[in-house]
C-alpha atoms as a PDB file:
ATOM      1  CA  MET A   1     -38.668  -5.614 -26.094  1.00  0.00           C
ATOM      2  CA  THR A   2     -34.916  -4.883 -25.870  1.00  0.00           C
ATOM      3  CA  LEU A   3     -32.924  -6.170 -22.913  1.00  0.00           C
ATOM      4  CA  PRO A   4     -29.976  -4.200 -21.582  1.00  0.00           C
ATOM      5  CA  GLU A   5     -26.521  -5.535 -22.333  1.00  0.00           C
ATOM      6  CA  GLN A   6     -25.072  -7.933 -19.816  1.00  0.00           C
ATOM      7  CA  PRO A   7     -22.263  -6.426 -17.780  1.00  0.00           C
ATOM      8  CA  ALA A   8     -18.768  -7.727 -18.452  1.00  0.00           C
ATOM      9  CA  SER A   9     -17.679 -10.403 -15.979  1.00  0.00           C
ATOM     10  CA  TYR A  10     -14.458  -8.483 -15.331  1.00  0.00           C
ATOM     11  CA  ARG A  11     -14.202  -4.739 -15.082  1.00  0.00           C
ATOM     12  CA  PRO A  12     -10.756  -3.346 -14.098  1.00  0.00           C
ATOM     13  CA  GLN A  13     -10.766  -0.605 -11.538  1.00  0.00           C
ATOM     14  CA  PRO A  14      -9.965   2.887 -12.719  1.00  0.00           C
ATOM     15  CA  PRO A  15      -6.468   4.075 -11.625  1.00  0.00           C
ATOM     16  CA  ALA A  16      -8.042   6.484  -9.103  1.00  0.00           C
ATOM     17  CA  GLU A  17      -9.567   3.576  -7.165  1.00  0.00           C
ATOM     18  CA  GLN A  18      -6.435   2.280  -5.457  1.00  0.00           C
ATOM     19  CA  PRO A  19      -7.424   2.140  -1.787  1.00  0.00           C
ATOM     20  CA  TRP A  20      -4.650  -0.099  -0.448  1.00  0.00           C
ATOM     21  CA  ARG A  21      -1.659   1.568   1.127  1.00  0.00           C
ATOM     22  CA  TRP A  22       1.062   1.087   3.722  1.00  0.00           C
ATOM     23  CA  ARG A  23       1.687   3.513   6.587  1.00  0.00           C
ATOM     24  CA  LEU A  24       5.449   3.636   7.166  1.00  0.00           C
ATOM     25  CA  GLU A  25       6.301   3.834  10.887  1.00  0.00           C
ATOM     26  CA  ASP A  26       9.305   4.081  13.161  1.00  0.00           C
ATOM     27  CA  ALA A  27       9.775   1.714  16.152  1.00  0.00           C
ATOM     28  CA  SER A  28       7.428   3.799  18.346  1.00  0.00           C
ATOM     29  CA  GLY A  29       4.654   3.644  15.763  1.00  0.00           C
ATOM     30  CA  ALA A  30       4.999   7.226  14.605  1.00  0.00           C
ATOM     31  CA  GLU A  31       4.583   7.743  10.912  1.00  0.00           C
ATOM     32  CA  VAL A  32       7.744   8.083   8.923  1.00  0.00           C
ATOM     33  CA  VAL A  33       7.597  10.730   6.231  1.00  0.00           C
ATOM     34  CA  LEU A  34      10.189  10.237   3.509  1.00  0.00           C
ATOM     35  CA  THR A  35      11.587  13.193   1.587  1.00  0.00           C
ATOM     36  CA  GLY A  36      13.228  13.878  -1.767  1.00  0.00           C
ATOM     37  CA  ALA A  37      13.880  10.952  -4.062  1.00  0.00           C
ATOM     38  CA  ASP A  38      12.868   8.467  -1.360  1.00  0.00           C
ATOM     39  CA  ALA A  39       9.440  10.114  -1.156  1.00  0.00           C
ATOM     40  CA  ASP A  40       9.023   9.869  -4.912  1.00  0.00           C
ATOM     41  CA  GLU A  41      10.031   6.171  -4.972  1.00  0.00           C
ATOM     42  CA  TYR A  42       8.496   4.802  -1.709  1.00  0.00           C
ATOM     43  CA  GLY A  43       6.088   7.375  -0.289  1.00  0.00           C
ATOM     44  CA  GLU A  44       2.400   7.558  -0.992  1.00  0.00           C
ATOM     45  CA  GLN A  45       2.271   4.247  -2.895  1.00  0.00           C
ATOM     46  CA  ALA A  46      -1.256   3.037  -3.522  1.00  0.00           C
ATOM     47  CA  PHE A  47      -2.482  -0.268  -4.887  1.00  0.00           C
ATOM     48  CA  PRO A  48      -5.701  -1.642  -6.388  1.00  0.00           C
ATOM     49  CA  ASN A  49      -5.782  -4.760  -4.131  1.00  0.00           C
ATOM     50  CA  GLN A  50      -4.258  -6.304  -1.064  1.00  0.00           C
ATOM     51  CA  GLY A  51      -2.110  -8.775  -3.051  1.00  0.00           C
ATOM     52  CA  ASP A  52      -0.346  -6.020  -4.984  1.00  0.00           C
ATOM     53  CA  ALA A  53       0.324  -4.069  -1.768  1.00  0.00           C
ATOM     54  CA  GLU A  54       1.779  -7.171  -0.063  1.00  0.00           C
ATOM     55  CA  SER A  55       3.892  -8.046  -3.063  1.00  0.00           C
ATOM     56  CA  TRP A  56       5.342  -4.544  -3.143  1.00  0.00           C
ATOM     57  CA  ILE A  57       6.277  -4.505   0.528  1.00  0.00           C
ATOM     58  CA  GLY A  58       7.767  -8.009   0.128  1.00  0.00           C
ATOM     59  CA  GLU A  59      10.130  -6.709  -2.570  1.00  0.00           C
ATOM     60  CA  ILE A  60      11.249  -3.426  -0.943  1.00  0.00           C
ATOM     61  CA  TRP A  61      11.032  -3.989   2.838  1.00  0.00           C
ATOM     62  CA  SER A  62      14.851  -4.001   3.314  1.00  0.00           C
ATOM     63  CA  GLU A  63      15.205  -0.725   1.382  1.00  0.00           C
ATOM     64  CA  LEU A  64      12.571   0.858   3.634  1.00  0.00           C
ATOM     65  CA  ALA A  65      14.338  -0.467   6.725  1.00  0.00           C
ATOM     66  CA  GLU A  66      17.605   1.221   5.505  1.00  0.00           C
ATOM     67  CA  ARG A  67      15.669   4.510   5.438  1.00  0.00           C
ATOM     68  CA  GLY A  68      14.518   4.315   9.046  1.00  0.00           C
ATOM     69  CA  VAL A  69      11.199   2.476   8.661  1.00  0.00           C
ATOM     70  CA  ALA A  70      10.909  -0.067  11.440  1.00  0.00           C
ATOM     71  CA  GLN A  71       7.400  -1.347  10.810  1.00  0.00           C
ATOM     72  CA  VAL A  72       4.423  -0.925   8.496  1.00  0.00           C
ATOM     73  CA  THR A  73       0.663  -1.059   8.814  1.00  0.00           C
ATOM     74  CA  LEU A  74      -1.704  -1.938   5.898  1.00  0.00           C
ATOM     75  CA  PHE A  75      -4.802   0.119   5.229  1.00  0.00           C
ATOM     76  CA  GLU A  76      -7.695  -0.245   2.842  1.00  0.00           C
ATOM     77  CA  ALA A  77      -8.885   3.354   2.470  1.00  0.00           C
ATOM     78  CA  ASP A  78      -9.265   4.416   6.145  1.00  0.00           C
ATOM     79  CA  ARG A  79      -9.668   0.886   7.544  1.00  0.00           C
ATOM     80  CA  GLU A  80      -6.631  -0.614   9.292  1.00  0.00           C
ATOM     81  CA  VAL A  81      -6.289  -4.141   7.920  1.00  0.00           C
ATOM     82  CA  TYR A  82      -3.320  -5.365   9.942  1.00  0.00           C
ATOM     83  CA  GLY A  83      -0.070  -4.269  11.511  1.00  0.00           C
ATOM     84  CA  PRO A  84       2.180  -3.076  12.704  1.00  0.00           C
ATOM     85  CA  MET A  85       4.424  -5.559  10.925  1.00  0.00           C
ATOM     86  CA  SER A  86       8.123  -5.390  11.750  1.00  0.00           C
ATOM     87  CA  LEU A  87      10.683  -4.906   8.930  1.00  0.00           C
ATOM     88  CA  SER A  88      13.579  -6.308  10.941  1.00  0.00           C
ATOM     89  CA  ALA A  89      15.224  -9.351   9.385  1.00  0.00           C
END
């Protein structure tokens, strides 16, 4: 009798499975849509886990604020995790 191989204890997620994202918002809570180079650099960022998403926002929050983003809300897929979180210093 042959037993199946044991699964690896760690299996990285494929790049397509990055459900964590930030919704960029103005002070009223309306979504901010960035355009041009800003959209390429800051828009539609997705992350494989909550820690990576939080690290990213911690590094670039002031740059987003300069572009009119007043607050952000964190989502895992379609589930709102928390927010809005203010980007004012």
